PDB file of N, CA and C in Angstrom:
ATOM      1  N   MET A   1     -23.974  20.005   2.112  1.00  0.00           N
ATOM      2  CA  MET A   1     -23.326  19.917   3.411  1.00  0.00           C
ATOM      3  C   MET A   1     -24.347  19.604   4.505  1.00  0.00           C
ATOM      4  N   LEU A   2     -25.559  20.082   4.353  1.00  0.00           N
ATOM      5  CA  LEU A   2     -26.578  19.831   5.373  1.00  0.00           C
ATOM      6  C   LEU A   2     -26.962  18.354   5.455  1.00  0.00           C
ATOM      7  N   GLN A   3     -26.774  17.613   4.367  1.00  0.00           N
ATOM      8  CA  GLN A   3     -27.095  16.190   4.381  1.00  0.00           C
ATOM      9  C   GLN A   3     -26.027  15.381   5.093  1.00  0.00           C
ATOM     10  N   VAL A   4     -24.799  15.860   5.072  1.00  0.00           N
ATOM     11  CA  VAL A   4     -23.685  15.134   5.668  1.00  0.00           C
ATOM     12  C   VAL A   4     -23.503  15.497   7.138  1.00  0.00           C
ATOM     13  N   LEU A   5     -23.918  16.670   7.528  1.00  0.00           N
ATOM     14  CA  LEU A   5     -23.696  17.172   8.884  1.00  0.00           C
ATOM     15  C   LEU A   5     -24.226  16.240   9.978  1.00  0.00           C
ATOM     16  N   PRO A   6     -25.422  15.672   9.862  1.00  0.00           N
ATOM     17  CA  PRO A   6     -25.874  14.756  10.931  1.00  0.00           C
ATOM     18  C   PRO A   6     -24.965  13.541  11.103  1.00  0.00           C
ATOM     19  N   PHE A   7     -24.417  13.036   9.995  1.00  0.00           N
ATOM     20  CA  PHE A   7     -23.524  11.883  10.088  1.00  0.00           C
ATOM     21  C   PHE A   7     -22.208  12.256  10.761  1.00  0.00           C
ATOM     22  N   ILE A   8     -21.705  13.447  10.472  1.00  0.00           N
ATOM     23  CA  ILE A   8     -20.478  13.910  11.116  1.00  0.00           C
ATOM     24  C   ILE A   8     -20.704  14.081  12.611  1.00  0.00           C
ATOM     25  N   VAL A   9     -21.818  14.663  12.984  1.00  0.00           N
ATOM     26  CA  VAL A   9     -22.138  14.863  14.401  1.00  0.00           C
ATOM     27  C   VAL A   9     -22.306  13.515  15.101  1.00  0.00           C
ATOM     28  N   PHE A  10     -23.019  12.590  14.458  1.00  0.00           N
ATOM     29  CA  PHE A  10     -23.209  11.265  15.051  1.00  0.00           C
ATOM     30  C   PHE A  10     -21.873  10.545  15.216  1.00  0.00           C
ATOM     31  N   GLY A  11     -21.005  10.629  14.210  1.00  0.00           N
ATOM     32  CA  GLY A  11     -19.694   9.993  14.292  1.00  0.00           C
ATOM     33  C   GLY A  11     -18.833  10.584  15.387  1.00  0.00           C
ATOM     34  N   ALA A  12     -18.839  11.916  15.521  1.00  0.00           N
ATOM     35  CA  ALA A  12     -18.059  12.567  16.571  1.00  0.00           C
ATOM     36  C   ALA A  12     -18.587  12.189  17.953  1.00  0.00           C
ATOM     37  N   ASN A  13     -19.905  12.142  18.098  1.00  0.00           N
ATOM     38  CA  ASN A  13     -20.489  11.745  19.385  1.00  0.00           C
ATOM     39  C   ASN A  13     -20.168  10.291  19.716  1.00  0.00           C
ATOM     40  N   SER A  14     -20.232   9.425  18.737  1.00  0.00           N
ATOM     41  CA  SER A  14     -19.914   8.013  18.955  1.00  0.00           C
ATOM     42  C   SER A  14     -18.450   7.837  19.340  1.00  0.00           C
ATOM     43  N   PHE A  15     -17.571   8.571  18.676  1.00  0.00           N
ATOM     44  CA  PHE A  15     -16.147   8.493  18.999  1.00  0.00           C
ATOM     45  C   PHE A  15     -15.886   9.002  20.414  1.00  0.00           C
ATOM     46  N   GLY A  16     -16.547  10.085  20.794  1.00  0.00           N
ATOM     47  CA  GLY A  16     -16.406  10.608  22.151  1.00  0.00           C
ATOM     48  C   GLY A  16     -16.908   9.620  23.192  1.00  0.00           C
ATOM     49  N   ALA A  17     -18.045   8.974  22.912  1.00  0.00           N
ATOM     50  CA  ALA A  17     -18.575   7.967  23.838  1.00  0.00           C
ATOM     51  C   ALA A  17     -17.636   6.772  23.940  1.00  0.00           C
ATOM     52  N   PHE A  18     -17.039   6.377  22.810  1.00  0.00           N
ATOM     53  CA  PHE A  18     -16.083   5.266  22.826  1.00  0.00           C
ATOM     54  C   PHE A  18     -14.883   5.601  23.704  1.00  0.00           C
ATOM     55  N   ILE A  19     -14.328   6.796  23.534  1.00  0.00           N
ATOM     56  CA  ILE A  19     -13.172   7.196  24.345  1.00  0.00           C
ATOM     57  C   ILE A  19     -13.555   7.252  25.823  1.00  0.00           C
ATOM     58  N   PHE A  20     -14.723   7.810  26.123  1.00  0.00           N
ATOM     59  CA  PHE A  20     -15.179   7.900  27.512  1.00  0.00           C
ATOM     60  C   PHE A  20     -15.302   6.509  28.134  1.00  0.00           C
ATOM     61  N   ASN A  21     -15.915   5.574  27.398  1.00  0.00           N
ATOM     62  CA  ASN A  21     -16.080   4.211  27.912  1.00  0.00           C
ATOM     63  C   ASN A  21     -14.748   3.482  28.039  1.00  0.00           C
ATOM     64  N   GLU A  22     -13.841   3.703  27.120  1.00  0.00           N
ATOM     65  CA  GLU A  22     -12.547   3.031  27.172  1.00  0.00           C
ATOM     66  C   GLU A  22     -11.714   3.512  28.357  1.00  0.00           C
ATOM     67  N   ARG A  23     -11.797   4.783  28.689  1.00  0.00           N
ATOM     68  CA  ARG A  23     -11.038   5.298  29.831  1.00  0.00           C
ATOM     69  C   ARG A  23     -11.572   4.759  31.153  1.00  0.00           C
ATOM     70  N   LYS A  24     -12.869   4.472  31.211  1.00  0.00           N
ATOM     71  CA  LYS A  24     -13.486   3.963  32.435  1.00  0.00           C
ATOM     72  C   LYS A  24     -13.374   2.442  32.556  1.00  0.00           C
ATOM     73  N   SER A  25     -13.072   1.764  31.452  1.00  0.00           N
ATOM     74  CA  SER A  25     -13.057   0.308  31.428  1.00  0.00           C
ATOM     75  C   SER A  25     -11.859  -0.253  32.187  1.00  0.00           C
ATOM     76  N   LYS A  26     -12.085  -1.397  32.816  1.00  0.00           N
ATOM     77  CA  LYS A  26     -10.998  -2.058  33.536  1.00  0.00           C
ATOM     78  C   LYS A  26     -10.001  -2.676  32.553  1.00  0.00           C
ATOM     79  N   PHE A  27     -10.506  -3.252  31.463  1.00  0.00           N
ATOM     80  CA  PHE A  27      -9.671  -3.848  30.424  1.00  0.00           C
ATOM     81  C   PHE A  27     -10.015  -3.201  29.082  1.00  0.00           C
ATOM     82  N   PRO A  28      -9.430  -2.052  28.762  1.00  0.00           N
ATOM     83  CA  PRO A  28      -9.799  -1.336  27.531  1.00  0.00           C
ATOM     84  C   PRO A  28      -9.302  -2.040  26.275  1.00  0.00           C
ATOM     85  N   LEU A  29     -10.024  -1.823  25.170  1.00  0.00           N
ATOM     86  CA  LEU A  29      -9.592  -2.342  23.878  1.00  0.00           C
ATOM     87  C   LEU A  29      -8.406  -1.554  23.340  1.00  0.00           C
ATOM     88  N   VAL A  30      -8.388  -0.249  23.612  1.00  0.00           N
ATOM     89  CA  VAL A  30      -7.335   0.643  23.136  1.00  0.00           C
ATOM     90  C   VAL A  30      -6.708   1.310  24.344  1.00  0.00           C
ATOM     91  N   ASN A  31      -5.406   1.124  24.504  1.00  0.00           N
ATOM     92  CA  ASN A  31      -4.703   1.748  25.606  1.00  0.00           C
ATOM     93  C   ASN A  31      -4.209   3.121  25.141  1.00  0.00           C
ATOM     94  N   PHE A  32      -4.894   4.179  25.548  1.00  0.00           N
ATOM     95  CA  PHE A  32      -4.558   5.519  25.087  1.00  0.00           C
ATOM     96  C   PHE A  32      -3.227   6.012  25.642  1.00  0.00           C
ATOM     97  N   LYS A  33      -2.841   5.531  26.803  1.00  0.00           N
ATOM     98  CA  LYS A  33      -1.529   5.909  27.353  1.00  0.00           C
ATOM     99  C   LYS A  33      -0.408   5.379  26.458  1.00  0.00           C
ATOM    100  N   LEU A  34      -0.597   4.183  25.929  1.00  0.00           N
ATOM    101  CA  LEU A  34       0.403   3.606  25.033  1.00  0.00           C
ATOM    102  C   LEU A  34       0.421   4.335  23.691  1.00  0.00           C
ATOM    103  N   MET A  35      -0.761   4.724  23.190  1.00  0.00           N
ATOM    104  CA  MET A  35      -0.819   5.415  21.905  1.00  0.00           C
ATOM    105  C   MET A  35      -0.169   6.789  21.956  1.00  0.00           C
ATOM    106  N   LEU A  36      -0.198   7.445  23.109  1.00  0.00           N
ATOM    107  CA  LEU A  36       0.383   8.780  23.241  1.00  0.00           C
ATOM    108  C   LEU A  36       1.824   8.753  23.731  1.00  0.00           C
ATOM    109  N   ASN A  37       2.410   7.574  23.819  1.00  0.00           N
ATOM    110  CA  ASN A  37       3.800   7.445  24.218  1.00  0.00           C
ATOM    111  C   ASN A  37       4.691   8.159  23.192  1.00  0.00           C
ATOM    112  N   ARG A  38       5.702   8.878  23.676  1.00  0.00           N
ATOM    113  CA  ARG A  38       6.546   9.684  22.774  1.00  0.00           C
ATOM    114  C   ARG A  38       7.282   8.825  21.753  1.00  0.00           C
ATOM    115  N   ALA A  39       7.566   7.585  22.087  1.00  0.00           N
ATOM    116  CA  ALA A  39       8.288   6.714  21.156  1.00  0.00           C
ATOM    117  C   ALA A  39       7.366   6.147  20.081  1.00  0.00           C
ATOM    118  N   ILE A  40       6.085   6.019  20.359  1.00  0.00           N
ATOM    119  CA  ILE A  40       5.156   5.380  19.446  1.00  0.00           C
ATOM    120  C   ILE A  40       4.305   6.387  18.678  1.00  0.00           C
ATOM    121  N   LEU A  41       4.130   7.590  19.206  1.00  0.00           N
ATOM    122  CA  LEU A  41       3.251   8.582  18.589  1.00  0.00           C
ATOM    123  C   LEU A  41       3.623   8.926  17.147  1.00  0.00           C
ATOM    124  N   PRO A  42       4.905   9.148  16.816  1.00  0.00           N
ATOM    125  CA  PRO A  42       5.209   9.444  15.397  1.00  0.00           C
ATOM    126  C   PRO A  42       4.813   8.310  14.447  1.00  0.00           C
ATOM    127  N   ALA A  43       5.010   7.073  14.865  1.00  0.00           N
ATOM    128  CA  ALA A  43       4.617   5.937  14.019  1.00  0.00           C
ATOM    129  C   ALA A  43       3.104   5.899  13.847  1.00  0.00           C
ATOM    130  N   ASN A  44       2.362   6.183  14.918  1.00  0.00           N
ATOM    131  CA  ASN A  44       0.901   6.203  14.820  1.00  0.00           C
ATOM    132  C   ASN A  44       0.434   7.292  13.858  1.00  0.00           C
ATOM    133  N   LEU A  45       1.039   8.463  13.921  1.00  0.00           N
ATOM    134  CA  LEU A  45       0.657   9.556  13.030  1.00  0.00           C
ATOM    135  C   LEU A  45       0.973   9.222  11.574  1.00  0.00           C
ATOM    136  N   ILE A  46       2.120   8.593  11.337  1.00  0.00           N
ATOM    137  CA  ILE A  46       2.488   8.207   9.980  1.00  0.00           C
ATOM    138  C   ILE A  46       1.509   7.168   9.434  1.00  0.00           C
ATOM    139  N   ILE A  47       1.118   6.208  10.273  1.00  0.00           N
ATOM    140  CA  ILE A  47       0.164   5.186   9.835  1.00  0.00           C
ATOM    141  C   ILE A  47      -1.178   5.823   9.495  1.00  0.00           C
ATOM    142  N   VAL A  48      -1.620   6.791  10.290  1.00  0.00           N
ATOM    143  CA  VAL A  48      -2.889   7.473  10.008  1.00  0.00           C
ATOM    144  C   VAL A  48      -2.796   8.234   8.682  1.00  0.00           C
ATOM    145  N   LEU A  49      -1.696   8.933   8.449  1.00  0.00           N
ATOM    146  CA  LEU A  49      -1.540   9.690   7.209  1.00  0.00           C
ATOM    147  C   LEU A  49      -1.488   8.771   5.989  1.00  0.00           C
ATOM    148  N   VAL A  50      -0.772   7.670   6.092  1.00  0.00           N
ATOM    149  CA  VAL A  50      -0.689   6.729   4.973  1.00  0.00           C
ATOM    150  C   VAL A  50      -2.053   6.100   4.702  1.00  0.00           C
ATOM    151  N   GLY A  51      -2.771   5.728   5.747  1.00  0.00           N
ATOM    152  CA  GLY A  51      -4.101   5.153   5.573  1.00  0.00           C
ATOM    153  C   GLY A  51      -5.061   6.138   4.932  1.00  0.00           C
ATOM    154  N   PHE A  52      -5.030   7.389   5.387  1.00  0.00           N
ATOM    155  CA  PHE A  52      -5.896   8.411   4.803  1.00  0.00           C
ATOM    156  C   PHE A  52      -5.532   8.652   3.343  1.00  0.00           C
ATOM    157  N   SER A  53      -4.241   8.678   3.037  1.00  0.00           N
ATOM    158  CA  SER A  53      -3.801   8.883   1.651  1.00  0.00           C
ATOM    159  C   SER A  53      -4.263   7.742   0.749  1.00  0.00           C
ATOM    160  N   MET A  54      -4.163   6.509   1.229  1.00  0.00           N
ATOM    161  CA  MET A  54      -4.618   5.371   0.431  1.00  0.00           C
ATOM    162  C   MET A  54      -6.124   5.431   0.213  1.00  0.00           C
ATOM    163  N   PHE A  55      -6.869   5.810   1.236  1.00  0.00           N
ATOM    164  CA  PHE A  55      -8.316   5.922   1.098  1.00  0.00           C
ATOM    165  C   PHE A  55      -8.663   6.972   0.053  1.00  0.00           C
ATOM    166  N   MET A  56      -8.018   8.126   0.108  1.00  0.00           N
ATOM    167  CA  MET A  56      -8.299   9.185  -0.852  1.00  0.00           C
ATOM    168  C   MET A  56      -7.891   8.769  -2.262  1.00  0.00           C
ATOM    169  N   LEU A  57      -6.808   8.040  -2.389  1.00  0.00           N
ATOM    170  CA  LEU A  57      -6.359   7.572  -3.694  1.00  0.00           C
ATOM    171  C   LEU A  57      -7.381   6.624  -4.310  1.00  0.00           C
ATOM    172  N   PHE A  58      -7.883   5.685  -3.521  1.00  0.00           N
ATOM    173  CA  PHE A  58      -8.866   4.743  -4.039  1.00  0.00           C
ATOM    174  C   PHE A  58     -10.179   5.424  -4.374  1.00  0.00           C
ATOM    175  N   GLN A  59     -10.482   6.530  -3.737  1.00  0.00           N
ATOM    176  CA  GLN A  59     -11.708   7.257  -4.045  1.00  0.00           C
ATOM    177  C   GLN A  59     -11.566   8.081  -5.318  1.00  0.00           C
ATOM    178  N   THR A  60     -10.367   8.580  -5.606  1.00  0.00           N
ATOM    179  CA  THR A  60     -10.200   9.491  -6.735  1.00  0.00           C
ATOM    180  C   THR A  60      -9.810   8.802  -8.041  1.00  0.00           C
ATOM    181  N   ILE A  61      -9.240   7.614  -7.995  1.00  0.00           N
ATOM    182  CA  ILE A  61      -8.819   6.942  -9.228  1.00  0.00           C
ATOM    183  C   ILE A  61      -9.992   6.702 -10.179  1.00  0.00           C
ATOM    184  N   PRO A  62     -11.143   6.181  -9.730  1.00  0.00           N
ATOM    185  CA  PRO A  62     -12.251   5.994 -10.691  1.00  0.00           C
ATOM    186  C   PRO A  62     -12.719   7.305 -11.319  1.00  0.00           C
ATOM    187  N   ILE A  63     -12.720   8.374 -10.587  1.00  0.00           N
ATOM    188  CA  ILE A  63     -13.140   9.666 -11.124  1.00  0.00           C
ATOM    189  C   ILE A  63     -12.144  10.141 -12.177  1.00  0.00           C
ATOM    190  N   LEU A  64     -10.852  10.006 -11.894  1.00  0.00           N
ATOM    191  CA  LEU A  64      -9.833  10.423 -12.862  1.00  0.00           C
ATOM    192  C   LEU A  64      -9.893   9.579 -14.133  1.00  0.00           C
ATOM    193  N   VAL A  65     -10.093   8.268 -13.994  1.00  0.00           N
ATOM    194  CA  VAL A  65     -10.163   7.397 -15.162  1.00  0.00           C
ATOM    195  C   VAL A  65     -11.392   7.720 -16.000  1.00  0.00           C
ATOM    196  N   LYS A  66     -12.508   7.970 -15.351  1.00  0.00           N
ATOM    197  CA  LYS A  66     -13.721   8.305 -16.074  1.00  0.00           C
ATOM    198  C   LYS A  66     -13.569   9.614 -16.843  1.00  0.00           C
ATOM    199  N   ASN A  67     -12.901  10.592 -16.264  1.00  0.00           N
ATOM    200  CA  ASN A  67     -12.716  11.892 -16.938  1.00  0.00           C
ATOM    201  C   ASN A  67     -11.723  11.800 -18.075  1.00  0.00           C
ATOM    202  N   GLN A  68     -10.791  10.867 -18.057  1.00  0.00           N
ATOM    203  CA  GLN A  68      -9.810  10.725 -19.122  1.00  0.00           C
ATOM    204  C   GLN A  68     -10.426  10.136 -20.390  1.00  0.00           C
ATOM    205  N   ASN A  69     -11.487   9.366 -20.248  1.00  0.00           N
ATOM    206  CA  ASN A  69     -12.097   8.704 -21.407  1.00  0.00           C
ATOM    207  C   ASN A  69     -13.061   9.606 -22.164  1.00  0.00           C
ATOM    208  N   LEU A  70     -13.263  10.807 -21.730  1.00  0.00           N
ATOM    209  CA  LEU A  70     -14.161  11.717 -22.443  1.00  0.00           C
ATOM    210  C   LEU A  70     -13.457  12.169 -23.671  1.00  0.00           C
TER     211      LEU A  70
END
């Protein structure tokens, strides 16, 4: 865990800096007001969950296949 912690901290700091810069920007890349809209928020959450699930699936399939061949 100590090897991964600096990367997590760096990623969180970078994400925070990105949000800070986007809120101050005249023409932001990501409109946070639109993302938090009540009509769009459930779709955004579903897309995040599906994307995370697909990522985890692609990470675990090689491990499961390798363990089955023993």
